[in-house]
N, C-alpha and C. Protein backbone atom coordinates (compact mmCIF):
# COMPACT_ATOMS: atom_id res chain seq x y z
N MET A 1 127.82 20.44 -17.20
CA MET A 1 127.76 21.23 -18.42
C MET A 1 128.49 20.47 -19.53
N LYS A 2 128.02 20.63 -20.74
CA LYS A 2 128.49 19.77 -21.83
C LYS A 2 128.88 20.61 -23.04
N ALA A 3 130.09 20.38 -23.55
CA ALA A 3 130.61 21.16 -24.68
C ALA A 3 130.91 20.24 -25.86
N LEU A 4 130.73 20.79 -27.06
CA LEU A 4 131.11 20.10 -28.29
C LEU A 4 132.26 20.87 -28.92
N ILE A 5 133.37 20.16 -29.18
CA ILE A 5 134.56 20.76 -29.79
C ILE A 5 134.68 20.22 -31.21
N VAL A 6 134.60 21.09 -32.20
CA VAL A 6 134.74 20.68 -33.61
C VAL A 6 135.98 21.35 -34.18
N GLU A 7 137.05 20.58 -34.32
CA GLU A 7 138.37 21.09 -34.74
C GLU A 7 139.11 19.96 -35.44
N ASP A 8 139.66 20.23 -36.63
CA ASP A 8 140.30 19.18 -37.40
C ASP A 8 141.73 18.89 -36.98
N ASP A 9 142.42 19.84 -36.37
CA ASP A 9 143.79 19.61 -35.92
C ASP A 9 143.75 18.75 -34.65
N ALA A 10 144.27 17.53 -34.72
CA ALA A 10 144.14 16.57 -33.63
C ALA A 10 144.78 17.07 -32.34
N THR A 11 145.97 17.67 -32.45
CA THR A 11 146.66 18.15 -31.26
C THR A 11 145.88 19.28 -30.60
N LEU A 12 145.46 20.25 -31.40
CA LEU A 12 144.70 21.37 -30.85
C LEU A 12 143.36 20.90 -30.29
N ARG A 13 142.71 19.98 -31.00
CA ARG A 13 141.42 19.46 -30.53
C ARG A 13 141.58 18.82 -29.16
N GLY A 14 142.62 18.01 -29.00
CA GLY A 14 142.86 17.37 -27.71
C GLY A 14 143.13 18.38 -26.61
N GLN A 15 143.87 19.44 -26.94
CA GLN A 15 144.18 20.46 -25.94
C GLN A 15 142.92 21.21 -25.50
N ILE A 16 142.05 21.51 -26.47
CA ILE A 16 140.81 22.21 -26.13
C ILE A 16 139.91 21.32 -25.28
N VAL A 17 139.77 20.06 -25.68
CA VAL A 17 138.96 19.12 -24.90
C VAL A 17 139.47 19.04 -23.47
N GLN A 18 140.79 18.90 -23.30
CA GLN A 18 141.36 18.80 -21.96
C GLN A 18 141.11 20.06 -21.15
N ALA A 19 141.22 21.23 -21.79
CA ALA A 19 140.97 22.49 -21.10
C ALA A 19 139.54 22.56 -20.57
N PHE A 20 138.59 22.08 -21.37
CA PHE A 20 137.20 22.10 -20.92
C PHE A 20 136.94 21.06 -19.84
N VAL A 21 137.55 19.88 -19.97
CA VAL A 21 137.42 18.87 -18.92
C VAL A 21 138.00 19.40 -17.61
N ASP A 22 139.15 20.05 -17.68
CA ASP A 22 139.77 20.62 -16.48
C ASP A 22 138.90 21.69 -15.85
N ALA A 23 138.07 22.36 -16.67
CA ALA A 23 137.17 23.40 -16.18
C ALA A 23 135.83 22.84 -15.70
N GLY A 24 135.71 21.50 -15.69
CA GLY A 24 134.51 20.89 -15.15
C GLY A 24 133.44 20.54 -16.15
N PHE A 25 133.76 20.57 -17.44
CA PHE A 25 132.80 20.23 -18.47
C PHE A 25 132.89 18.74 -18.83
N VAL A 26 131.83 18.22 -19.41
CA VAL A 26 131.90 17.01 -20.22
C VAL A 26 132.11 17.50 -21.65
N ALA A 27 133.02 16.86 -22.39
CA ALA A 27 133.34 17.36 -23.72
C ALA A 27 133.34 16.23 -24.74
N ASP A 28 132.55 16.39 -25.80
CA ASP A 28 132.61 15.54 -26.98
C ASP A 28 133.39 16.29 -28.05
N SER A 29 133.93 15.56 -29.02
CA SER A 29 134.70 16.24 -30.07
C SER A 29 134.46 15.60 -31.42
N ALA A 30 134.71 16.38 -32.47
CA ALA A 30 134.59 15.91 -33.84
C ALA A 30 135.75 16.47 -34.65
N ALA A 31 136.22 15.68 -35.64
CA ALA A 31 137.40 16.05 -36.41
C ALA A 31 137.07 16.68 -37.75
N ASP A 32 135.79 16.68 -38.13
CA ASP A 32 135.41 17.29 -39.40
C ASP A 32 134.00 17.85 -39.30
N GLY A 33 133.61 18.61 -40.30
CA GLY A 33 132.34 19.31 -40.24
C GLY A 33 131.13 18.40 -40.25
N ARG A 34 131.17 17.33 -41.02
CA ARG A 34 130.01 16.44 -41.09
C ARG A 34 129.76 15.76 -39.75
N GLU A 35 130.83 15.28 -39.12
CA GLU A 35 130.68 14.65 -37.82
C GLU A 35 130.20 15.66 -36.79
N GLY A 36 130.76 16.87 -36.84
CA GLY A 36 130.35 17.91 -35.90
C GLY A 36 128.90 18.30 -36.09
N GLU A 37 128.47 18.45 -37.35
CA GLU A 37 127.07 18.80 -37.62
C GLU A 37 126.14 17.73 -37.09
N TYR A 38 126.52 16.46 -37.27
CA TYR A 38 125.69 15.34 -36.81
C TYR A 38 125.58 15.33 -35.29
N LEU A 39 126.71 15.46 -34.60
CA LEU A 39 126.67 15.45 -33.14
C LEU A 39 125.84 16.61 -32.61
N GLY A 40 126.04 17.79 -33.17
CA GLY A 40 125.28 18.94 -32.72
C GLY A 40 123.79 18.79 -32.92
N ALA A 41 123.41 18.07 -33.98
CA ALA A 41 121.99 17.90 -34.30
C ALA A 41 121.34 16.77 -33.53
N THR A 42 122.14 15.81 -33.03
CA THR A 42 121.56 14.62 -32.39
C THR A 42 121.82 14.54 -30.90
N GLU A 43 122.78 15.30 -30.37
CA GLU A 43 123.07 15.33 -28.94
C GLU A 43 122.69 16.70 -28.38
N THR A 44 122.64 16.80 -27.06
CA THR A 44 122.33 18.06 -26.40
C THR A 44 123.61 18.65 -25.81
N TYR A 45 123.92 19.90 -26.17
CA TYR A 45 125.12 20.57 -25.67
C TYR A 45 124.76 21.94 -25.11
N ASP A 46 125.59 22.38 -24.17
CA ASP A 46 125.41 23.72 -23.61
C ASP A 46 126.14 24.76 -24.43
N VAL A 47 127.22 24.36 -25.10
CA VAL A 47 128.01 25.29 -25.89
C VAL A 47 128.80 24.50 -26.92
N ALA A 48 129.07 25.12 -28.07
CA ALA A 48 129.88 24.49 -29.11
C ALA A 48 131.06 25.39 -29.45
N ILE A 49 132.24 24.78 -29.61
CA ILE A 49 133.44 25.46 -30.07
C ILE A 49 133.70 24.96 -31.48
N LEU A 50 133.59 25.85 -32.46
CA LEU A 50 133.53 25.43 -33.86
C LEU A 50 134.60 26.12 -34.69
N ASP A 51 135.51 25.34 -35.26
CA ASP A 51 136.50 25.88 -36.18
C ASP A 51 135.83 26.17 -37.53
N LEU A 52 136.26 27.23 -38.19
CA LEU A 52 135.67 27.55 -39.50
C LEU A 52 136.29 26.73 -40.62
N GLY A 53 137.60 26.48 -40.55
CA GLY A 53 138.29 25.78 -41.64
C GLY A 53 138.30 24.29 -41.45
N LEU A 54 137.16 23.65 -41.67
CA LEU A 54 137.02 22.21 -41.43
C LEU A 54 136.95 21.44 -42.74
N PRO A 55 137.44 20.18 -42.76
CA PRO A 55 137.26 19.32 -43.93
C PRO A 55 135.83 18.78 -43.99
N ARG A 56 135.43 18.34 -45.18
CA ARG A 56 134.15 17.70 -45.47
C ARG A 56 132.95 18.65 -45.39
N MET A 57 132.98 19.60 -44.50
CA MET A 57 131.93 20.63 -44.42
C MET A 57 132.51 21.77 -43.58
N ASP A 58 132.56 22.98 -44.14
CA ASP A 58 133.20 24.05 -43.37
C ASP A 58 132.31 24.53 -42.23
N GLY A 59 132.93 25.28 -41.32
CA GLY A 59 132.23 25.69 -40.11
C GLY A 59 131.01 26.54 -40.36
N ILE A 60 131.06 27.39 -41.39
CA ILE A 60 129.91 28.23 -41.71
C ILE A 60 128.72 27.37 -42.10
N GLU A 61 128.96 26.34 -42.91
CA GLU A 61 127.87 25.44 -43.32
C GLU A 61 127.32 24.66 -42.13
N VAL A 62 128.23 24.20 -41.25
CA VAL A 62 127.79 23.50 -40.04
C VAL A 62 126.86 24.40 -39.23
N LEU A 63 127.30 25.61 -38.98
CA LEU A 63 126.53 26.55 -38.17
C LEU A 63 125.20 26.90 -38.84
N THR A 64 125.23 27.11 -40.17
CA THR A 64 124.00 27.42 -40.90
C THR A 64 122.99 26.29 -40.77
N ARG A 65 123.46 25.06 -40.84
CA ARG A 65 122.56 23.91 -40.72
C ARG A 65 122.00 23.81 -39.30
N TRP A 66 122.85 24.01 -38.29
CA TRP A 66 122.36 23.98 -36.91
C TRP A 66 121.25 25.01 -36.71
N ARG A 67 121.52 26.24 -37.12
CA ARG A 67 120.52 27.29 -36.91
C ARG A 67 119.27 27.01 -37.74
N GLY A 68 119.44 26.42 -38.93
CA GLY A 68 118.29 26.08 -39.75
C GLY A 68 117.40 25.02 -39.12
N GLN A 69 118.01 24.19 -38.26
CA GLN A 69 117.27 23.16 -37.54
C GLN A 69 116.69 23.68 -36.23
N GLY A 70 116.91 24.95 -35.96
CA GLY A 70 116.37 25.54 -34.74
C GLY A 70 117.23 25.39 -33.51
N LEU A 71 118.47 24.95 -33.68
CA LEU A 71 119.38 24.80 -32.53
C LEU A 71 119.84 26.18 -32.06
N THR A 72 119.68 26.44 -30.77
CA THR A 72 119.99 27.76 -30.23
C THR A 72 121.21 27.76 -29.32
N LEU A 73 121.93 26.64 -29.22
CA LEU A 73 123.08 26.59 -28.31
C LEU A 73 124.09 27.68 -28.68
N PRO A 74 124.74 28.28 -27.67
CA PRO A 74 125.78 29.27 -27.96
C PRO A 74 126.93 28.64 -28.75
N VAL A 75 127.43 29.36 -29.74
CA VAL A 75 128.53 28.85 -30.58
C VAL A 75 129.66 29.87 -30.61
N LEU A 76 130.84 29.40 -30.23
CA LEU A 76 132.06 30.20 -30.29
C LEU A 76 132.88 29.69 -31.47
N ILE A 77 133.15 30.55 -32.45
CA ILE A 77 133.89 30.10 -33.63
C ILE A 77 135.38 30.39 -33.46
N LEU A 78 136.19 29.46 -34.00
CA LEU A 78 137.64 29.59 -34.01
C LEU A 78 138.09 29.76 -35.45
N THR A 79 138.97 30.70 -35.68
CA THR A 79 139.46 30.89 -37.05
C THR A 79 140.86 31.46 -37.05
N ALA A 80 141.65 30.99 -38.01
CA ALA A 80 142.98 31.54 -38.20
C ALA A 80 142.94 32.70 -39.18
N ARG A 81 141.80 32.95 -39.77
CA ARG A 81 141.66 34.00 -40.77
C ARG A 81 141.48 35.34 -40.08
N GLY A 82 142.23 36.33 -40.52
CA GLY A 82 142.17 37.63 -39.87
C GLY A 82 141.27 38.63 -40.56
N GLU A 83 140.66 38.24 -41.67
CA GLU A 83 139.86 39.19 -42.42
C GLU A 83 138.49 39.38 -41.77
N TRP A 84 138.07 40.64 -41.71
CA TRP A 84 136.81 40.98 -41.08
C TRP A 84 135.64 40.27 -41.77
N ALA A 85 135.72 40.06 -43.09
CA ALA A 85 134.62 39.44 -43.83
C ALA A 85 134.30 38.05 -43.29
N ASP A 86 135.33 37.28 -42.87
CA ASP A 86 135.09 35.95 -42.35
C ASP A 86 134.35 35.99 -41.01
N LYS A 87 134.69 36.98 -40.19
CA LYS A 87 133.99 37.11 -38.91
C LYS A 87 132.54 37.49 -39.15
N VAL A 88 132.31 38.40 -40.10
CA VAL A 88 130.95 38.82 -40.42
C VAL A 88 130.13 37.62 -40.89
N ARG A 89 130.71 36.78 -41.75
CA ARG A 89 130.00 35.58 -42.23
C ARG A 89 129.64 34.68 -41.06
N GLY A 90 130.55 34.57 -40.10
CA GLY A 90 130.27 33.74 -38.93
C GLY A 90 129.11 34.28 -38.11
N PHE A 91 129.11 35.59 -37.87
CA PHE A 91 128.02 36.18 -37.10
C PHE A 91 126.70 36.10 -37.86
N ARG A 92 126.74 36.30 -39.16
CA ARG A 92 125.51 36.21 -39.95
C ARG A 92 124.95 34.79 -39.96
N ALA A 93 125.82 33.81 -39.86
CA ALA A 93 125.38 32.42 -39.82
C ALA A 93 124.82 32.04 -38.45
N GLY A 94 125.08 32.89 -37.43
CA GLY A 94 124.51 32.62 -36.11
C GLY A 94 125.51 32.43 -35.00
N ALA A 95 126.79 32.76 -35.23
CA ALA A 95 127.78 32.64 -34.16
C ALA A 95 127.52 33.67 -33.05
N ASP A 96 127.93 33.33 -31.85
CA ASP A 96 127.74 34.22 -30.70
C ASP A 96 129.02 34.96 -30.33
N ASP A 97 130.17 34.40 -30.67
CA ASP A 97 131.45 35.04 -30.37
C ASP A 97 132.51 34.35 -31.21
N TYR A 98 133.72 34.92 -31.24
CA TYR A 98 134.79 34.31 -32.01
C TYR A 98 136.12 34.53 -31.29
N VAL A 99 137.08 33.64 -31.59
CA VAL A 99 138.45 33.77 -31.11
C VAL A 99 139.37 33.49 -32.29
N LEU A 100 140.38 34.34 -32.46
CA LEU A 100 141.35 34.16 -33.54
C LEU A 100 142.51 33.29 -33.07
N LYS A 101 142.94 32.37 -33.92
CA LYS A 101 144.13 31.57 -33.65
C LYS A 101 145.37 32.41 -33.94
N PRO A 102 146.45 32.22 -33.17
CA PRO A 102 146.56 31.36 -31.98
C PRO A 102 145.90 32.03 -30.77
N PHE A 103 145.51 31.22 -29.80
CA PHE A 103 144.82 31.75 -28.63
C PHE A 103 145.27 30.99 -27.39
N ARG A 104 144.95 31.54 -26.24
CA ARG A 104 145.20 30.86 -24.98
C ARG A 104 143.96 30.05 -24.63
N MET A 105 144.17 28.84 -24.14
CA MET A 105 143.05 27.97 -23.80
C MET A 105 142.14 28.61 -22.75
N GLU A 106 142.76 29.34 -21.81
CA GLU A 106 141.97 29.98 -20.77
C GLU A 106 140.95 30.95 -21.36
N GLU A 107 141.34 31.64 -22.45
CA GLU A 107 140.43 32.60 -23.06
C GLU A 107 139.24 31.88 -23.70
N VAL A 108 139.49 30.77 -24.38
CA VAL A 108 138.40 30.03 -25.01
C VAL A 108 137.41 29.54 -23.96
N VAL A 109 137.93 28.95 -22.87
CA VAL A 109 137.05 28.44 -21.82
C VAL A 109 136.26 29.58 -21.18
N MET A 110 136.93 30.71 -20.90
CA MET A 110 136.25 31.82 -20.25
C MET A 110 135.17 32.42 -21.15
N ARG A 111 135.46 32.54 -22.43
CA ARG A 111 134.45 33.07 -23.36
C ARG A 111 133.26 32.12 -23.44
N ALA A 112 133.52 30.82 -23.44
CA ALA A 112 132.43 29.84 -23.46
C ALA A 112 131.59 29.93 -22.19
N GLN A 113 132.24 30.08 -21.05
CA GLN A 113 131.52 30.21 -19.79
C GLN A 113 130.66 31.47 -19.77
N THR A 114 131.18 32.55 -20.36
CA THR A 114 130.41 33.78 -20.44
C THR A 114 129.18 33.59 -21.32
N LEU A 115 129.33 32.90 -22.44
CA LEU A 115 128.19 32.63 -23.31
C LEU A 115 127.13 31.79 -22.60
N LEU A 116 127.57 30.80 -21.82
CA LEU A 116 126.64 29.96 -21.07
C LEU A 116 125.86 30.79 -20.06
N ARG A 117 126.58 31.64 -19.32
CA ARG A 117 125.93 32.47 -18.30
C ARG A 117 124.89 33.39 -18.94
N ARG A 118 125.27 34.02 -20.05
CA ARG A 118 124.34 34.94 -20.71
C ARG A 118 123.14 34.20 -21.28
N ALA A 119 123.37 32.99 -21.82
CA ALA A 119 122.28 32.20 -22.37
C ALA A 119 121.26 31.84 -21.30
N ALA A 120 121.75 31.70 -20.05
CA ALA A 120 120.85 31.38 -18.93
C ALA A 120 120.23 32.63 -18.33
N GLY A 121 120.56 33.81 -18.88
CA GLY A 121 119.94 35.05 -18.44
C GLY A 121 120.63 35.77 -17.31
N HIS A 122 121.92 35.48 -17.09
CA HIS A 122 122.65 36.10 -15.99
C HIS A 122 123.67 37.11 -16.54
N ALA A 123 123.66 38.31 -15.98
CA ALA A 123 124.51 39.38 -16.49
C ALA A 123 125.91 39.36 -15.90
N HIS A 124 126.08 38.79 -14.71
CA HIS A 124 127.37 38.85 -14.02
C HIS A 124 127.94 37.44 -13.83
N ASN A 125 129.26 37.36 -13.62
CA ASN A 125 129.88 36.05 -13.49
C ASN A 125 129.55 35.38 -12.16
N ILE A 126 129.12 36.14 -11.14
CA ILE A 126 128.69 35.55 -9.87
C ILE A 126 127.18 35.36 -9.94
N VAL A 127 126.75 34.11 -9.88
CA VAL A 127 125.32 33.77 -9.98
C VAL A 127 124.88 33.22 -8.63
N ALA A 128 123.79 33.76 -8.09
CA ALA A 128 123.32 33.37 -6.77
C ALA A 128 121.98 32.66 -6.85
N ALA A 129 121.81 31.67 -5.98
CA ALA A 129 120.51 31.01 -5.75
C ALA A 129 120.36 30.91 -4.25
N GLY A 130 119.79 31.95 -3.66
CA GLY A 130 119.76 32.02 -2.21
C GLY A 130 121.17 32.17 -1.66
N ALA A 131 121.52 31.34 -0.69
CA ALA A 131 122.85 31.40 -0.08
C ALA A 131 123.91 30.67 -0.91
N LEU A 132 123.48 30.01 -1.99
CA LEU A 132 124.43 29.36 -2.90
C LEU A 132 124.91 30.36 -3.93
N THR A 133 126.20 30.38 -4.19
CA THR A 133 126.74 31.24 -5.24
C THR A 133 127.69 30.44 -6.13
N LEU A 134 127.65 30.76 -7.41
CA LEU A 134 128.52 30.14 -8.40
C LEU A 134 129.35 31.22 -9.07
N ASP A 135 130.66 31.06 -9.09
CA ASP A 135 131.53 31.89 -9.92
C ASP A 135 131.63 31.19 -11.27
N SER A 136 130.96 31.72 -12.28
CA SER A 136 130.89 31.03 -13.56
C SER A 136 132.23 30.95 -14.27
N HIS A 137 133.20 31.77 -13.87
CA HIS A 137 134.53 31.72 -14.49
C HIS A 137 135.40 30.62 -13.88
N THR A 138 135.29 30.42 -12.56
CA THR A 138 136.14 29.45 -11.89
C THR A 138 135.41 28.16 -11.52
N ALA A 139 134.08 28.16 -11.64
CA ALA A 139 133.21 27.03 -11.26
C ALA A 139 133.20 26.79 -9.75
N LEU A 140 133.71 27.76 -8.96
CA LEU A 140 133.68 27.63 -7.50
C LEU A 140 132.25 27.87 -7.02
N ILE A 141 131.76 26.94 -6.18
CA ILE A 141 130.42 27.07 -5.60
C ILE A 141 130.57 27.20 -4.08
N THR A 142 129.90 28.20 -3.53
CA THR A 142 129.97 28.44 -2.09
C THR A 142 128.56 28.41 -1.49
N LEU A 143 128.49 28.11 -0.22
CA LEU A 143 127.25 28.15 0.55
C LEU A 143 127.51 29.00 1.78
N ASP A 144 126.76 30.09 1.89
CA ASP A 144 126.99 31.07 2.97
C ASP A 144 128.44 31.55 2.98
N GLY A 145 129.01 31.70 1.79
CA GLY A 145 130.36 32.22 1.65
C GLY A 145 131.47 31.19 1.82
N MET A 146 131.12 29.95 2.13
CA MET A 146 132.13 28.90 2.33
C MET A 146 132.13 27.94 1.16
N PRO A 147 133.32 27.62 0.61
CA PRO A 147 133.38 26.70 -0.52
C PRO A 147 132.82 25.32 -0.16
N LEU A 148 132.06 24.75 -1.05
CA LEU A 148 131.53 23.41 -0.85
C LEU A 148 132.54 22.37 -1.34
N ARG A 149 132.61 21.26 -0.62
CA ARG A 149 133.47 20.15 -1.05
C ARG A 149 132.62 19.22 -1.90
N LEU A 150 132.85 19.28 -3.22
CA LEU A 150 132.04 18.54 -4.18
C LEU A 150 132.92 17.71 -5.10
N THR A 151 132.39 16.59 -5.55
CA THR A 151 133.06 15.83 -6.58
C THR A 151 132.91 16.56 -7.91
N PRO A 152 133.72 16.23 -8.92
CA PRO A 152 133.54 16.88 -10.23
C PRO A 152 132.13 16.73 -10.79
N PHE A 153 131.53 15.55 -10.64
CA PHE A 153 130.17 15.35 -11.16
C PHE A 153 129.17 16.20 -10.37
N GLU A 154 129.32 16.24 -9.04
CA GLU A 154 128.43 17.06 -8.23
C GLU A 154 128.55 18.53 -8.61
N THR A 155 129.78 18.98 -8.85
CA THR A 155 129.99 20.37 -9.26
C THR A 155 129.30 20.65 -10.58
N ARG A 156 129.44 19.76 -11.54
CA ARG A 156 128.83 19.95 -12.84
C ARG A 156 127.31 20.01 -12.73
N LEU A 157 126.75 19.11 -11.93
CA LEU A 157 125.30 19.05 -11.78
C LEU A 157 124.77 20.29 -11.05
N LEU A 158 125.42 20.66 -9.94
CA LEU A 158 124.95 21.80 -9.17
C LEU A 158 125.14 23.10 -9.95
N ARG A 159 126.19 23.19 -10.74
CA ARG A 159 126.40 24.37 -11.56
C ARG A 159 125.24 24.54 -12.54
N TYR A 160 124.81 23.45 -13.15
CA TYR A 160 123.69 23.53 -14.08
C TYR A 160 122.42 23.96 -13.36
N LEU A 161 122.19 23.40 -12.17
CA LEU A 161 120.98 23.75 -11.42
C LEU A 161 121.00 25.21 -10.97
N ILE A 162 122.16 25.72 -10.57
CA ILE A 162 122.24 27.12 -10.15
C ILE A 162 121.95 28.04 -11.33
N LEU A 163 122.52 27.73 -12.49
CA LEU A 163 122.28 28.56 -13.67
C LEU A 163 120.80 28.57 -14.07
N HIS A 164 120.09 27.50 -13.68
CA HIS A 164 118.68 27.38 -14.04
C HIS A 164 117.80 27.34 -12.78
N ALA A 165 118.23 27.98 -11.72
CA ALA A 165 117.49 27.98 -10.46
C ALA A 165 116.09 28.54 -10.64
N GLY A 166 115.14 27.93 -9.94
CA GLY A 166 113.75 28.36 -10.02
C GLY A 166 112.96 27.66 -11.10
N ARG A 167 113.64 26.93 -11.98
CA ARG A 167 112.97 26.22 -13.07
C ARG A 167 113.03 24.72 -12.83
N VAL A 168 111.96 24.01 -13.17
CA VAL A 168 111.95 22.56 -13.05
C VAL A 168 112.83 21.97 -14.15
N VAL A 169 113.78 21.14 -13.76
CA VAL A 169 114.69 20.49 -14.70
C VAL A 169 114.42 18.99 -14.65
N SER A 170 114.03 18.41 -15.77
CA SER A 170 113.70 16.99 -15.79
C SER A 170 114.94 16.13 -15.67
N ARG A 171 114.74 14.86 -15.29
CA ARG A 171 115.87 13.93 -15.22
C ARG A 171 116.50 13.75 -16.59
N THR A 172 115.67 13.72 -17.63
CA THR A 172 116.21 13.57 -18.99
C THR A 172 117.09 14.75 -19.36
N GLU A 173 116.63 15.96 -19.07
CA GLU A 173 117.43 17.16 -19.37
C GLU A 173 118.76 17.12 -18.62
N LEU A 174 118.72 16.78 -17.34
CA LEU A 174 119.96 16.71 -16.57
C LEU A 174 120.92 15.68 -17.16
N SER A 175 120.40 14.50 -17.48
CA SER A 175 121.29 13.45 -18.00
C SER A 175 121.90 13.85 -19.34
N GLU A 176 121.13 14.56 -20.17
CA GLU A 176 121.65 15.00 -21.46
C GLU A 176 122.80 15.98 -21.31
N HIS A 177 122.78 16.77 -20.24
CA HIS A 177 123.81 17.78 -20.04
C HIS A 177 124.96 17.30 -19.15
N MET A 178 124.82 16.13 -18.52
CA MET A 178 125.85 15.65 -17.59
C MET A 178 126.77 14.60 -18.17
N TYR A 179 126.32 13.88 -19.22
CA TYR A 179 127.07 12.75 -19.74
C TYR A 179 127.49 13.00 -21.19
N ASP A 180 128.64 12.44 -21.57
CA ASP A 180 129.05 12.57 -22.97
C ASP A 180 128.28 11.60 -23.84
N ALA A 181 128.49 11.69 -25.15
CA ALA A 181 127.67 10.93 -26.10
C ALA A 181 127.81 9.43 -25.93
N ALA A 182 128.97 8.96 -25.46
CA ALA A 182 129.22 7.52 -25.37
C ALA A 182 128.83 6.93 -24.01
N ALA A 183 128.45 7.77 -23.06
CA ALA A 183 128.19 7.31 -21.70
C ALA A 183 126.82 6.66 -21.57
N ASP A 184 126.73 5.71 -20.63
CA ASP A 184 125.45 5.10 -20.28
C ASP A 184 124.75 6.01 -19.28
N ARG A 185 123.62 6.57 -19.67
CA ARG A 185 122.93 7.55 -18.84
C ARG A 185 122.02 6.83 -17.84
N ASP A 186 122.46 6.79 -16.61
CA ASP A 186 121.81 6.01 -15.56
C ASP A 186 121.04 6.96 -14.64
N PHE A 187 119.70 6.91 -14.69
CA PHE A 187 118.89 7.78 -13.85
C PHE A 187 119.06 7.46 -12.37
N LYS A 188 119.28 6.18 -12.05
CA LYS A 188 119.44 5.82 -10.64
C LYS A 188 120.70 6.46 -10.05
N SER A 189 121.79 6.46 -10.83
CA SER A 189 123.01 7.10 -10.36
C SER A 189 122.81 8.60 -10.20
N LEU A 190 122.04 9.20 -11.10
CA LEU A 190 121.73 10.62 -11.02
C LEU A 190 120.98 10.92 -9.73
N GLU A 191 120.04 10.07 -9.36
CA GLU A 191 119.28 10.28 -8.13
C GLU A 191 120.16 10.15 -6.90
N VAL A 192 121.15 9.25 -6.96
CA VAL A 192 122.10 9.11 -5.84
C VAL A 192 122.88 10.40 -5.66
N VAL A 193 123.33 10.99 -6.76
CA VAL A 193 124.09 12.25 -6.69
C VAL A 193 123.19 13.38 -6.17
N ILE A 194 121.95 13.42 -6.61
CA ILE A 194 121.00 14.42 -6.11
C ILE A 194 120.87 14.29 -4.60
N GLY A 195 120.77 13.05 -4.11
CA GLY A 195 120.68 12.83 -2.67
C GLY A 195 121.90 13.33 -1.91
N ARG A 196 123.09 13.12 -2.48
CA ARG A 196 124.32 13.61 -1.84
C ARG A 196 124.33 15.14 -1.81
N LEU A 197 123.88 15.75 -2.92
CA LEU A 197 123.86 17.21 -2.97
C LEU A 197 122.91 17.77 -1.91
N ARG A 198 121.78 17.13 -1.72
CA ARG A 198 120.83 17.61 -0.70
C ARG A 198 121.48 17.65 0.68
N ARG A 199 122.25 16.62 0.99
CA ARG A 199 122.92 16.59 2.30
C ARG A 199 123.95 17.70 2.42
N LYS A 200 124.57 18.09 1.30
CA LYS A 200 125.63 19.09 1.35
C LYS A 200 125.12 20.53 1.32
N ILE A 201 123.97 20.74 0.65
CA ILE A 201 123.47 22.12 0.52
C ILE A 201 122.24 22.39 1.37
N GLY A 202 121.66 21.33 1.95
CA GLY A 202 120.43 21.48 2.72
C GLY A 202 119.25 21.01 1.90
N ALA A 203 118.51 20.05 2.44
CA ALA A 203 117.45 19.39 1.67
C ALA A 203 116.39 20.36 1.18
N GLY A 204 116.12 21.41 1.95
CA GLY A 204 115.05 22.34 1.57
C GLY A 204 115.34 23.17 0.35
N ARG A 205 116.60 23.20 -0.08
CA ARG A 205 116.97 24.02 -1.24
C ARG A 205 116.72 23.32 -2.58
N LEU A 206 116.62 22.01 -2.56
CA LEU A 206 116.51 21.24 -3.81
C LEU A 206 115.27 20.36 -3.73
N GLU A 207 114.27 20.71 -4.51
CA GLU A 207 112.99 20.00 -4.49
C GLU A 207 112.94 18.90 -5.54
N THR A 208 112.21 17.83 -5.23
CA THR A 208 111.86 16.82 -6.21
C THR A 208 110.37 16.94 -6.50
N LEU A 209 110.02 17.12 -7.74
CA LEU A 209 108.63 17.19 -8.16
C LEU A 209 108.31 15.89 -8.88
N ARG A 210 107.57 15.03 -8.23
CA ARG A 210 107.33 13.68 -8.74
C ARG A 210 106.76 13.72 -10.15
N GLY A 211 107.40 12.98 -11.04
CA GLY A 211 106.96 12.91 -12.42
C GLY A 211 107.42 14.08 -13.28
N GLU A 212 108.08 15.09 -12.65
CA GLU A 212 108.52 16.26 -13.40
C GLU A 212 110.03 16.43 -13.39
N GLY A 213 110.65 16.36 -12.20
CA GLY A 213 112.09 16.54 -12.12
C GLY A 213 112.50 17.22 -10.84
N TYR A 214 113.49 18.11 -10.95
CA TYR A 214 114.07 18.76 -9.78
C TYR A 214 114.05 20.27 -9.96
N ARG A 215 113.98 20.96 -8.83
CA ARG A 215 114.02 22.42 -8.88
C ARG A 215 114.87 22.93 -7.73
N LEU A 216 115.91 23.67 -8.08
CA LEU A 216 116.72 24.35 -7.08
C LEU A 216 116.07 25.70 -6.80
N LEU A 217 115.79 25.99 -5.55
CA LEU A 217 115.12 27.24 -5.21
C LEU A 217 116.03 28.44 -5.52
N SER A 218 115.46 29.46 -6.10
CA SER A 218 116.25 30.67 -6.44
C SER A 218 116.41 31.59 -5.24
N LYS A 219 115.62 31.34 -4.19
CA LYS A 219 115.74 32.11 -2.94
C LYS A 219 115.86 31.14 -1.78
N GLU A 220 116.23 31.64 -0.63
CA GLU A 220 116.35 30.79 0.55
C GLU A 220 114.99 30.21 0.92
N PRO A 221 114.95 28.91 1.29
CA PRO A 221 113.67 28.31 1.70
C PRO A 221 113.13 28.98 2.96
N ALA A 222 111.82 29.07 3.04
CA ALA A 222 111.18 29.72 4.19
C ALA A 222 111.42 28.88 5.45
């Protein structure tokens, strides 16, 4: 899963990025509105954390431009302003939720995870794909009730597949959501990780559709 953090305060930006990395995300960041607007428009993200009081372009303008371009990613706005009018402007521009500064990092991450789950069409924090279950708040993945031993990359990849179980996910889509903007996106390495996951969860649960991509079964294989 991939997050974009747009915050001008360097210390706070670093803390938010680290909190998302610790929660199993890949995280890109921007220090001003123009850079944030550009990254959001040119990269693929699962969620954006957007400060309203940004230099060069404020958060409302960034969000308005994203929505004007048809970007539907969930956006959580951060603001130190306590006036209701600012929150209303954020929601009217297309925000999905907001957090007032100061805040606890755990709350920002949990709210972002909730937005991701809802965007994928899941009402509860426990998401199941057959015998596989994902706790969207803790990122714990179990098989038949037993925690799986996964690397951080495997966890990130399987979490995305569980949230989108039953749907064909192309290699390009997976790579866009697994790597940060500066990373070299290697399809061969992705296939190696897919192979490892098959051995850990059972080959019949994860299909390869030649020329299309991968599909995690939403129910137990027959």
